Amino acid sequence: VESGGGLVQPGGSLRLSCAASGSIFSINPMGWYRQAPGKQRE
């Protein structure tokens, strides 16, 4: 479950959080991806 998104002005900052539950452990790789309108997820 992600949180922390929103509207920010250029030059500003945001911190996103991702809370994991279930069978996930500290050894598992985790990451962030993004998808802009009309573009592939990266």
PDB file of all heavy atoms in Angstrom:
ATOM      1  N   VAL A   1       0.849  -1.189   0.000  1.00  0.00           N
ATOM      2  CA  VAL A   1       0.000   0.000   0.000  1.00  0.00           C
ATOM      3  C   VAL A   1       0.883   1.236   0.000  1.00  0.00           C
ATOM      4  O   VAL A   1       1.656   1.465   0.938  1.00  0.00           O
ATOM      5  CB  VAL A   1      -0.930   0.024   1.226  1.00  0.00           C
ATOM      6  CG1 VAL A   1      -1.776   1.295   1.211  1.00  0.00           C
ATOM      7  CG2 VAL A   1      -1.822  -1.209   1.244  1.00  0.00           C
ATOM      8  N   GLU A   2       0.756   2.038  -1.063  1.00  0.00           N
ATOM      9  CA  GLU A   2       1.537   3.259  -1.192  1.00  0.00           C
ATOM     10  C   GLU A   2       0.780   4.443  -0.597  1.00  0.00           C
ATOM     11  O   GLU A   2      -0.455   4.473  -0.573  1.00  0.00           O
ATOM     12  CB  GLU A   2       1.844   3.575  -2.665  1.00  0.00           C
ATOM     13  CG  GLU A   2       2.555   2.478  -3.410  1.00  0.00           C
ATOM     14  CD  GLU A   2       1.618   1.611  -4.231  1.00  0.00           C
ATOM     15  OE1 GLU A   2       0.426   1.527  -3.868  1.00  0.00           O
ATOM     16  OE2 GLU A   2       2.071   1.017  -5.235  1.00  0.00           O
ATOM     17  N   SER A   3       1.532   5.428  -0.163  1.00  0.00           N
ATOM     18  CA  SER A   3       0.962   6.682   0.305  1.00  0.00           C
ATOM     19  C   SER A   3       1.991   7.782   0.128  1.00  0.00           C
ATOM     20  O   SER A   3       3.177   7.509  -0.098  1.00  0.00           O
ATOM     21  CB  SER A   3       0.545   6.581   1.771  1.00  0.00           C
ATOM     22  OG  SER A   3       1.662   6.312   2.585  1.00  0.00           O
ATOM     23  N   GLY A   4       1.522   9.032   0.228  1.00  0.00           N
ATOM     24  CA  GLY A   4       2.433  10.170   0.186  1.00  0.00           C
ATOM     25  C   GLY A   4       2.431  10.971  -1.098  1.00  0.00           C
ATOM     26  O   GLY A   4       3.121  11.989  -1.190  1.00  0.00           O
ATOM     27  N   GLY A   5       1.680  10.522  -2.095  1.00  0.00           N
ATOM     28  CA  GLY A   5       1.623  11.285  -3.334  1.00  0.00           C
ATOM     29  C   GLY A   5       0.833  12.564  -3.170  1.00  0.00           C
ATOM     30  O   GLY A   5       0.213  12.813  -2.133  1.00  0.00           O
ATOM     31  N   GLY A   6       0.869  13.392  -4.208  1.00  0.00           N
ATOM     32  CA  GLY A   6       0.125  14.641  -4.165  1.00  0.00           C
ATOM     33  C   GLY A   6       0.640  15.629  -5.182  1.00  0.00           C
ATOM     34  O   GLY A   6       1.417  15.277  -6.077  1.00  0.00           O
ATOM     35  N   LEU A   7       0.197  16.860  -5.031  1.00  0.00           N
ATOM     36  CA  LEU A   7       0.594  17.955  -5.924  1.00  0.00           C
ATOM     37  C   LEU A   7       1.718  18.754  -5.270  1.00  0.00           C
ATOM     38  O   LEU A   7       1.601  19.149  -4.103  1.00  0.00           O
ATOM     39  CB  LEU A   7      -0.602  18.861  -6.200  1.00  0.00           C
ATOM     40  CG  LEU A   7      -0.336  20.139  -6.994  1.00  0.00           C
ATOM     41  CD1 LEU A   7       0.143  19.801  -8.401  1.00  0.00           C
ATOM     42  CD2 LEU A   7      -1.596  21.005  -7.035  1.00  0.00           C
ATOM     43  N   VAL A   8       2.767  18.991  -6.024  1.00  0.00           N
ATOM     44  CA  VAL A   8       3.905  19.748  -5.508  1.00  0.00           C
ATOM     45  C   VAL A   8       4.443  20.645  -6.614  1.00  0.00           C
ATOM     46  O   VAL A   8       4.355  20.301  -7.798  1.00  0.00           O
ATOM     47  CB  VAL A   8       5.003  18.791  -4.976  1.00  0.00           C
ATOM     48  CG1 VAL A   8       5.561  17.918  -6.095  1.00  0.00           C
ATOM     49  CG2 VAL A   8       6.102  19.549  -4.264  1.00  0.00           C
ATOM     50  N   GLN A   9       4.982  21.773  -6.228  1.00  0.00           N
ATOM     51  CA  GLN A   9       5.546  22.694  -7.208  1.00  0.00           C
ATOM     52  C   GLN A   9       6.929  22.224  -7.661  1.00  0.00           C
ATOM     53  O   GLN A   9       7.623  21.510  -6.911  1.00  0.00           O
ATOM     54  CB  GLN A   9       5.650  24.098  -6.611  1.00  0.00           C
ATOM     55  CG  GLN A   9       4.304  24.759  -6.348  1.00  0.00           C
ATOM     56  CD  GLN A   9       4.462  26.199  -5.915  1.00  0.00           C
ATOM     57  OE1 GLN A   9       5.526  26.629  -5.483  1.00  0.00           O
ATOM     58  NE2 GLN A   9       3.381  26.968  -6.046  1.00  0.00           N
ATOM     59  N   PRO A  10       7.353  22.607  -8.839  1.00  0.00           N
ATOM     60  CA  PRO A  10       8.713  22.275  -9.286  1.00  0.00           C
ATOM     61  C   PRO A  10       9.743  22.741  -8.265  1.00  0.00           C
ATOM     62  O   PRO A  10       9.634  23.849  -7.716  1.00  0.00           O
ATOM     63  CB  PRO A  10       8.846  23.031 -10.605  1.00  0.00           C
ATOM     64  CG  PRO A  10       7.443  23.132 -11.114  1.00  0.00           C
ATOM     65  CD  PRO A  10       6.589  23.304  -9.890  1.00  0.00           C
ATOM     66  N   GLY A  11      10.718  21.876  -8.006  1.00  0.00           N
ATOM     67  CA  GLY A  11      11.733  22.168  -7.005  1.00  0.00           C
ATOM     68  C   GLY A  11      11.366  21.680  -5.618  1.00  0.00           C
ATOM     69  O   GLY A  11      12.213  21.702  -4.709  1.00  0.00           O
ATOM     70  N   GLY A  12      10.140  21.244  -5.441  1.00  0.00           N
ATOM     71  CA  GLY A  12       9.688  20.784  -4.139  1.00  0.00           C
ATOM     72  C   GLY A  12      10.066  19.350  -3.845  1.00  0.00           C
ATOM     73  O   GLY A  12      10.762  18.690  -4.641  1.00  0.00           O
ATOM     74  N   SER A  13       9.593  18.860  -2.699  1.00  0.00           N
ATOM     75  CA  SER A  13       9.931  17.511  -2.245  1.00  0.00           C
ATOM     76  C   SER A  13       8.679  16.770  -1.803  1.00  0.00           C
ATOM     77  O   SER A  13       7.691  17.380  -1.379  1.00  0.00           O
ATOM     78  CB  SER A  13      10.902  17.580  -1.062  1.00  0.00           C
ATOM     79  OG  SER A  13      12.126  18.191  -1.419  1.00  0.00           O
ATOM     80  N   LEU A  14       8.757  15.464  -1.906  1.00  0.00           N
ATOM     81  CA  LEU A  14       7.727  14.564  -1.387  1.00  0.00           C
ATOM     82  C   LEU A  14       8.408  13.305  -0.893  1.00  0.00           C
ATOM     83  O   LEU A  14       9.484  12.937  -1.393  1.00  0.00           O
ATOM     84  CB  LEU A  14       6.712  14.172  -2.473  1.00  0.00           C
ATOM     85  CG  LEU A  14       5.596  15.128  -2.845  1.00  0.00           C
ATOM     86  CD1 LEU A  14       4.795  14.549  -4.008  1.00  0.00           C
ATOM     87  CD2 LEU A  14       4.692  15.424  -1.670  1.00  0.00           C
ATOM     88  N   ARG A  15       7.772  12.636   0.069  1.00  0.00           N
ATOM     89  CA  ARG A  15       8.260  11.321   0.492  1.00  0.00           C
ATOM     90  C   ARG A  15       7.137  10.314   0.347  1.00  0.00           C
ATOM     91  O   ARG A  15       6.066  10.472   0.957  1.00  0.00           O
ATOM     92  CB  ARG A  15       8.768  11.330   1.930  1.00  0.00           C
ATOM     93  CG  ARG A  15       9.455  10.018   2.292  1.00  0.00           C
ATOM     94  CD  ARG A  15      10.053  10.005   3.670  1.00  0.00           C
ATOM     95  NE  ARG A  15       9.069   9.710   4.709  1.00  0.00           N
ATOM     96  CZ  ARG A  15       9.371   9.144   5.864  1.00  0.00           C
ATOM     97  NH1 ARG A  15      10.621   8.804   6.141  1.00  0.00           N
ATOM     98  NH2 ARG A  15       8.431   8.934   6.773  1.00  0.00           N
ATOM     99  N   LEU A  16       7.386   9.318  -0.451  1.00  0.00           N
ATOM    100  CA  LEU A  16       6.439   8.234  -0.623  1.00  0.00           C
ATOM    101  C   LEU A  16       6.751   7.107   0.351  1.00  0.00           C
ATOM    102  O   LEU A  16       7.917   6.864   0.671  1.00  0.00           O
ATOM    103  CB  LEU A  16       6.490   7.694  -2.051  1.00  0.00           C
ATOM    104  CG  LEU A  16       6.289   8.705  -3.183  1.00  0.00           C
ATOM    105  CD1 LEU A  16       6.305   7.987  -4.532  1.00  0.00           C
ATOM    106  CD2 LEU A  16       5.018   9.502  -2.993  1.00  0.00           C
ATOM    107  N   SER A  17       5.692   6.434   0.795  1.00  0.00           N
ATOM    108  CA  SER A  17       5.851   5.273   1.671  1.00  0.00           C
ATOM    109  C   SER A  17       5.138   4.084   1.063  1.00  0.00           C
ATOM    110  O   SER A  17       4.108   4.244   0.394  1.00  0.00           O
ATOM    111  CB  SER A  17       5.271   5.560   3.058  1.00  0.00           C
ATOM    112  OG  SER A  17       5.916   6.643   3.680  1.00  0.00           O
ATOM    113  N   CYS A  18       5.669   2.908   1.316  1.00  0.00           N
ATOM    114  CA  CYS A  18       5.046   1.669   0.859  1.00  0.00           C
ATOM    115  C   CYS A  18       5.060   0.699   2.030  1.00  0.00           C
ATOM    116  O   CYS A  18       6.131   0.243   2.445  1.00  0.00           O
ATOM    117  CB  CYS A  18       5.789   1.079  -0.320  1.00  0.00           C
ATOM    118  SG  CYS A  18       5.225  -0.582  -0.796  1.00  0.00           S
ATOM    119  N   ALA A  19       3.886   0.405   2.536  1.00  0.00           N
ATOM    120  CA  ALA A  19       3.754  -0.534   3.647  1.00  0.00           C
ATOM    121  C   ALA A  19       3.458  -1.921   3.097  1.00  0.00           C
ATOM    122  O   ALA A  19       2.499  -2.100   2.345  1.00  0.00           O
ATOM    123  CB  ALA A  19       2.646  -0.085   4.587  1.00  0.00           C
ATOM    124  N   ALA A  20       4.291  -2.867   3.475  1.00  0.00           N
ATOM    125  CA  ALA A  20       4.138  -4.239   2.997  1.00  0.00           C
ATOM    126  C   ALA A  20       3.584  -5.127   4.100  1.00  0.00           C
ATOM    127  O   ALA A  20       3.954  -4.995   5.261  1.00  0.00           O
ATOM    128  CB  ALA A  20       5.480  -4.784   2.530  1.00  0.00           C
ATOM    129  N   SER A  21       2.707  -6.024   3.718  1.00  0.00           N
ATOM    130  CA  SER A  21       2.177  -7.002   4.662  1.00  0.00           C
ATOM    131  C   SER A  21       2.061  -8.344   3.959  1.00  0.00           C
ATOM    132  O   SER A  21       2.133  -8.430   2.733  1.00  0.00           O
ATOM    133  CB  SER A  21       0.820  -6.560   5.208  1.00  0.00           C
ATOM    134  OG  SER A  21      -0.109  -6.403   4.163  1.00  0.00           O
ATOM    135  N   GLY A  22       1.880  -9.378   4.751  1.00  0.00           N
ATOM    136  CA  GLY A  22       1.851 -10.714   4.172  1.00  0.00           C
ATOM    137  C   GLY A  22       3.217 -11.348   4.236  1.00  0.00           C
ATOM    138  O   GLY A  22       4.031 -11.032   5.083  1.00  0.00           O
ATOM    139  N   SER A  23       3.490 -12.226   3.313  1.00  0.00           N
ATOM    140  CA  SER A  23       4.718 -13.020   3.348  1.00  0.00           C
ATOM    141  C   SER A  23       5.870 -12.296   2.677  1.00  0.00           C
ATOM    142  O   SER A  23       6.421 -12.738   1.682  1.00  0.00           O
ATOM    143  CB  SER A  23       4.479 -14.369   2.675  1.00  0.00           C
ATOM    144  OG  SER A  23       3.445 -15.071   3.329  1.00  0.00           O
ATOM    145  N   ILE A  24       6.223 -11.165   3.247  1.00  0.00           N
ATOM    146  CA  ILE A  24       7.358 -10.407   2.727  1.00  0.00           C
ATOM    147  C   ILE A  24       8.369 -10.258   3.852  1.00  0.00           C
ATOM    148  O   ILE A  24       8.003 -10.032   5.002  1.00  0.00           O
ATOM    149  CB  ILE A  24       6.915  -9.029   2.185  1.00  0.00           C
ATOM    150  CG1 ILE A  24       8.026  -8.376   1.380  1.00  0.00           C
ATOM    151  CG2 ILE A  24       6.419  -8.135   3.297  1.00  0.00           C
ATOM    152  CD1 ILE A  24       8.267  -9.059   0.051  1.00  0.00           C
ATOM    153  N   PHE A  25       9.626 -10.425   3.525  1.00  0.00           N
ATOM    154  CA  PHE A  25      10.658 -10.402   4.533  1.00  0.00           C
ATOM    155  C   PHE A  25      11.734  -9.387   4.172  1.00  0.00           C
ATOM    156  O   PHE A  25      11.802  -8.926   3.052  1.00  0.00           O
ATOM    157  CB  PHE A  25      11.273 -11.801   4.677  1.00  0.00           C
ATOM    158  CG  PHE A  25      10.264 -12.853   5.018  1.00  0.00           C
ATOM    159  CD1 PHE A  25       9.801 -13.712   4.019  1.00  0.00           C
ATOM    160  CD2 PHE A  25       9.759 -12.984   6.281  1.00  0.00           C
ATOM    161  CE1 PHE A  25       8.870 -14.679   4.306  1.00  0.00           C
ATOM    162  CE2 PHE A  25       8.821 -13.960   6.585  1.00  0.00           C
ATOM    163  CZ  PHE A  25       8.373 -14.808   5.593  1.00  0.00           C
ATOM    164  N   SER A  26      12.552  -9.110   5.150  1.00  0.00           N
ATOM    165  CA  SER A  26      13.574  -8.084   4.959  1.00  0.00           C
ATOM    166  C   SER A  26      14.569  -8.456   3.866  1.00  0.00           C
ATOM    167  O   SER A  26      15.267  -7.603   3.358  1.00  0.00           O
ATOM    168  CB  SER A  26      14.309  -7.837   6.267  1.00  0.00           C
ATOM    169  OG  SER A  26      14.934  -9.013   6.716  1.00  0.00           O
ATOM    170  N   ILE A  27      14.643  -9.735   3.491  1.00  0.00           N
ATOM    171  CA  ILE A  27      15.599 -10.144   2.472  1.00  0.00           C
ATOM    172  C   ILE A  27      15.091  -9.869   1.067  1.00  0.00           C
ATOM    173  O   ILE A  27      15.846  -9.925   0.103  1.00  0.00           O
ATOM    174  CB  ILE A  27      15.919 -11.643   2.571  1.00  0.00           C
ATOM    175  CG1 ILE A  27      14.662 -12.493   2.354  1.00  0.00           C
ATOM    176  CG2 ILE A  27      16.590 -11.957   3.895  1.00  0.00           C
ATOM    177  CD1 ILE A  27      14.955 -13.971   2.233  1.00  0.00           C
ATOM    178  N   ASN A  28      13.834  -9.581   0.936  1.00  0.00           N
ATOM    179  CA  ASN A  28      13.264  -9.436  -0.398  1.00  0.00           C
ATOM    180  C   ASN A  28      13.559  -8.065  -0.995  1.00  0.00           C
ATOM    181  O   ASN A  28      13.384  -7.052  -0.329  1.00  0.00           O
ATOM    182  CB  ASN A  28      11.748  -9.648  -0.351  1.00  0.00           C
ATOM    183  CG  ASN A  28      11.380 -11.043   0.091  1.00  0.00           C
ATOM    184  OD1 ASN A  28      10.755 -11.237   1.121  1.00  0.00           O
ATOM    185  ND2 ASN A  28      11.782 -12.014  -0.707  1.00  0.00           N
ATOM    186  N   PRO A  29      13.970  -8.031  -2.261  1.00  0.00           N
ATOM    187  CA  PRO A  29      14.170  -6.744  -2.918  1.00  0.00           C
ATOM    188  C   PRO A  29      12.845  -6.001  -3.068  1.00  0.00           C
ATOM    189  O   PRO A  29      11.807  -6.606  -3.329  1.00  0.00           O
ATOM    190  CB  PRO A  29      14.725  -7.119  -4.295  1.00  0.00           C
ATOM    191  CG  PRO A  29      15.181  -8.514  -4.172  1.00  0.00           C
ATOM    192  CD  PRO A  29      14.314  -9.154  -3.142  1.00  0.00           C
ATOM    193  N   MET A  30      12.904  -4.698  -2.914  1.00  0.00           N
ATOM    194  CA  MET A  30      11.725  -3.862  -3.117  1.00  0.00           C
ATOM    195  C   MET A  30      12.126  -2.640  -3.921  1.00  0.00           C
ATOM    196  O   MET A  30      13.300  -2.270  -3.957  1.00  0.00           O
ATOM    197  CB  MET A  30      11.113  -3.453  -1.777  1.00  0.00           C
ATOM    198  CG  MET A  30      10.607  -4.651  -0.977  1.00  0.00           C
ATOM    199  SD  MET A  30       9.703  -4.190   0.503  1.00  0.00           S
ATOM    200  CE  MET A  30       8.208  -3.487  -0.211  1.00  0.00           C
ATOM    201  N   GLY A  31      11.139  -2.049  -4.554  1.00  0.00           N
ATOM    202  CA  GLY A  31      11.479  -0.916  -5.394  1.00  0.00           C
ATOM    203  C   GLY A  31      10.298  -0.041  -5.715  1.00  0.00           C
ATOM    204  O   GLY A  31       9.161  -0.324  -5.320  1.00  0.00           O
ATOM    205  N   TRP A  32      10.603   1.028  -6.411  1.00  0.00           N
ATOM    206  CA  TRP A  32       9.600   1.970  -6.894  1.00  0.00           C
ATOM    207  C   TRP A  32       9.697   2.064  -8.415  1.00  0.00           C
ATOM    208  O   TRP A  32      10.803   2.152  -8.968  1.00  0.00           O
ATOM    209  CB  TRP A  32       9.816   3.356  -6.292  1.00  0.00           C
ATOM    210  CG  TRP A  32       9.483   3.441  -4.839  1.00  0.00           C
ATOM    211  CD1 TRP A  32      10.332   3.295  -3.786  1.00  0.00           C
ATOM    212  CD2 TRP A  32       8.192   3.694  -4.282  1.00  0.00           C
ATOM    213  NE1 TRP A  32       9.659   3.446  -2.596  1.00  0.00           N
ATOM    214  CE2 TRP A  32       8.335   3.690  -2.874  1.00  0.00           C
ATOM    215  CE3 TRP A  32       6.927   3.935  -4.820  1.00  0.00           C
ATOM    216  CZ2 TRP A  32       7.267   3.921  -2.013  1.00  0.00           C
ATOM    217  CZ3 TRP A  32       5.873   4.154  -3.954  1.00  0.00           C
ATOM    218  CH2 TRP A  32       6.045   4.142  -2.573  1.00  0.00           C
ATOM    219  N   TYR A  33       8.546   2.054  -9.049  1.00  0.00           N
ATOM    220  CA  TYR A  33       8.426   2.269 -10.478  1.00  0.00           C
ATOM    221  C   TYR A  33       7.451   3.408 -10.694  1.00  0.00           C
ATOM    222  O   TYR A  33       6.700   3.782  -9.787  1.00  0.00           O
ATOM    223  CB  TYR A  33       7.899   1.007 -11.177  1.00  0.00           C
ATOM    224  CG  TYR A  33       8.891  -0.143 -11.221  1.00  0.00           C
ATOM    225  CD1 TYR A  33       9.224  -0.831 -10.056  1.00  0.00           C
ATOM    226  CD2 TYR A  33       9.485  -0.540 -12.412  1.00  0.00           C
ATOM    227  CE1 TYR A  33      10.131  -1.879 -10.087  1.00  0.00           C
ATOM    228  CE2 TYR A  33      10.387  -1.588 -12.462  1.00  0.00           C
ATOM    229  CZ  TYR A  33      10.702  -2.249 -11.293  1.00  0.00           C
ATOM    230  OH  TYR A  33      11.598  -3.286 -11.336  1.00  0.00           O
ATOM    231  N   ARG A  34       7.443   3.956 -11.902  1.00  0.00           N
ATOM    232  CA  ARG A  34       6.469   4.993 -12.201  1.00  0.00           C
ATOM    233  C   ARG A  34       5.980   4.864 -13.630  1.00  0.00           C
ATOM    234  O   ARG A  34       6.677   4.337 -14.496  1.00  0.00           O
ATOM    235  CB  ARG A  34       7.065   6.384 -11.957  1.00  0.00           C
ATOM    236  CG  ARG A  34       8.179   6.777 -12.924  1.00  0.00           C
ATOM    237  CD  ARG A  34       8.784   8.103 -12.501  1.00  0.00           C
ATOM    238  NE  ARG A  34       9.855   8.522 -13.413  1.00  0.00           N
ATOM    239  CZ  ARG A  34      10.623   9.587 -13.199  1.00  0.00           C
ATOM    240  NH1 ARG A  34      10.450  10.341 -12.114  1.00  0.00           N
ATOM    241  NH2 ARG A  34      11.564   9.898 -14.075  1.00  0.00           N
ATOM    242  N   GLN A  35       4.790   5.377 -13.852  1.00  0.00           N
ATOM    243  CA  GLN A  35       4.207   5.372 -15.192  1.00  0.00           C
ATOM    244  C   GLN A  35       3.554   6.714 -15.448  1.00  0.00           C
ATOM    245  O   GLN A  35       2.581   7.088 -14.768  1.00  0.00           O
ATOM    246  CB  GLN A  35       3.185   4.241 -15.341  1.00  0.00           C
ATOM    247  CG  GLN A  35       2.675   4.073 -16.757  1.00  0.00           C
ATOM    248  CD  GLN A  35       1.944   2.768 -16.960  1.00  0.00           C
ATOM    249  OE1 GLN A  35       1.540   2.103 -16.005  1.00  0.00           O
ATOM    250  NE2 GLN A  35       1.773   2.370 -18.205  1.00  0.00           N
ATOM    251  N   ALA A  36       4.100   7.436 -16.404  1.00  0.00           N
ATOM    252  CA  ALA A  36       3.541   8.717 -16.811  1.00  0.00           C
ATOM    253  C   ALA A  36       2.475   8.479 -17.882  1.00  0.00           C
ATOM    254  O   ALA A  36       2.486   7.447 -18.561  1.00  0.00           O
ATOM    255  CB  ALA A  36       4.648   9.608 -17.345  1.00  0.00           C
ATOM    256  N   PRO A  37       1.567   9.436 -18.062  1.00  0.00           N
ATOM    257  CA  PRO A  37       0.522   9.269 -19.075  1.00  0.00           C
ATOM    258  C   PRO A  37       1.109   9.005 -20.456  1.00  0.00           C
ATOM    259  O   PRO A  37       2.005   9.719 -20.908  1.00  0.00           O
ATOM    260  CB  PRO A  37      -0.209  10.614 -19.028  1.00  0.00           C
ATOM    261  CG  PRO A  37       0.027  11.132 -17.657  1.00  0.00           C
ATOM    262  CD  PRO A  37       1.399  10.676 -17.289  1.00  0.00           C
ATOM    263  N   GLY A  38       0.627   7.949 -21.106  1.00  0.00           N
ATOM    264  CA  GLY A  38       1.080   7.622 -22.443  1.00  0.00           C
ATOM    265  C   GLY A  38       2.437   6.963 -22.522  1.00  0.00           C
ATOM    266  O   GLY A  38       2.957   6.746 -23.623  1.00  0.00           O
ATOM    267  N   LYS A  39       3.020   6.636 -21.375  1.00  0.00           N
ATOM    268  CA  LYS A  39       4.351   6.027 -21.371  1.00  0.00           C
ATOM    269  C   LYS A  39       4.319   4.679 -20.658  1.00  0.00           C
ATOM    270  O   LYS A  39       3.398   4.369 -19.920  1.00  0.00           O
ATOM    271  CB  LYS A  39       5.357   6.953 -20.699  1.00  0.00           C
ATOM    272  CG  LYS A  39       5.594   8.252 -21.450  1.00  0.00           C
ATOM    273  CD  LYS A  39       6.728   9.050 -20.837  1.00  0.00           C
ATOM    274  CE  LYS A  39       7.011  10.305 -21.628  1.00  0.00           C
ATOM    275  NZ  LYS A  39       8.134  11.088 -21.040  1.00  0.00           N
ATOM    276  N   GLN A  40       5.373   3.906 -20.875  1.00  0.00           N
ATOM    277  CA  GLN A  40       5.484   2.622 -20.208  1.00  0.00           C
ATOM    278  C   GLN A  40       5.954   2.800 -18.770  1.00  0.00           C
ATOM    279  O   GLN A  40       6.596   3.800 -18.424  1.00  0.00           O
ATOM    280  CB  GLN A  40       6.465   1.723 -20.972  1.00  0.00           C
ATOM    281  CG  GLN A  40       5.959   1.255 -22.326  1.00  0.00           C
ATOM    282  CD  GLN A  40       6.879   0.235 -22.960  1.00  0.00           C
ATOM    283  OE1 GLN A  40       8.093   0.238 -22.731  1.00  0.00           O
ATOM    284  NE2 GLN A  40       6.321  -0.646 -23.764  1.00  0.00           N
ATOM    285  N   ARG A  41       5.642   1.816 -17.961  1.00  0.00           N
ATOM    286  CA  ARG A  41       6.125   1.830 -16.580  1.00  0.00           C
ATOM    287  C   ARG A  41       7.640   1.676 -16.600  1.00  0.00           C
ATOM    288  O   ARG A  41       8.191   0.866 -17.352  1.00  0.00           O
ATOM    289  CB  ARG A  41       5.483   0.694 -15.787  1.00  0.00           C
ATOM    290  CG  ARG A  41       5.695   0.777 -14.307  1.00  0.00           C
ATOM    291  CD  ARG A  41       4.871  -0.271 -13.571  1.00  0.00           C
ATOM    292  NE  ARG A  41       3.437  -0.069 -13.764  1.00  0.00           N
ATOM    293  CZ  ARG A  41       2.509  -0.747 -13.091  1.00  0.00           C
ATOM    294  NH1 ARG A  41       2.858  -1.653 -12.188  1.00  0.00           N
ATOM    295  NH2 ARG A  41       1.230  -0.529 -13.339  1.00  0.00           N
ATOM    296  N   GLU A  42       8.320   2.456 -15.746  1.00  0.00           N
ATOM    297  CA  GLU A  42       9.773   2.423 -15.714  1.00  0.00           C
ATOM    298  C   GLU A  42      10.278   2.335 -14.283  1.00  0.00           C
ATOM    299  O   GLU A  42       9.632   2.791 -13.334  1.00  0.00           O
ATOM    300  CB  GLU A  42      10.352   3.681 -16.375  1.00  0.00           C
ATOM    301  CG  GLU A  42      10.006   4.978 -15.677  1.00  0.00           C
ATOM    302  CD  GLU A  42      10.669   6.188 -16.325  1.00  0.00           C
ATOM    303  OE1 GLU A  42      11.382   6.037 -17.329  1.00  0.00           O
ATOM    304  OE2 GLU A  42      10.484   7.297 -15.787  1.00  0.00           O
TER     305      GLU A  42
END
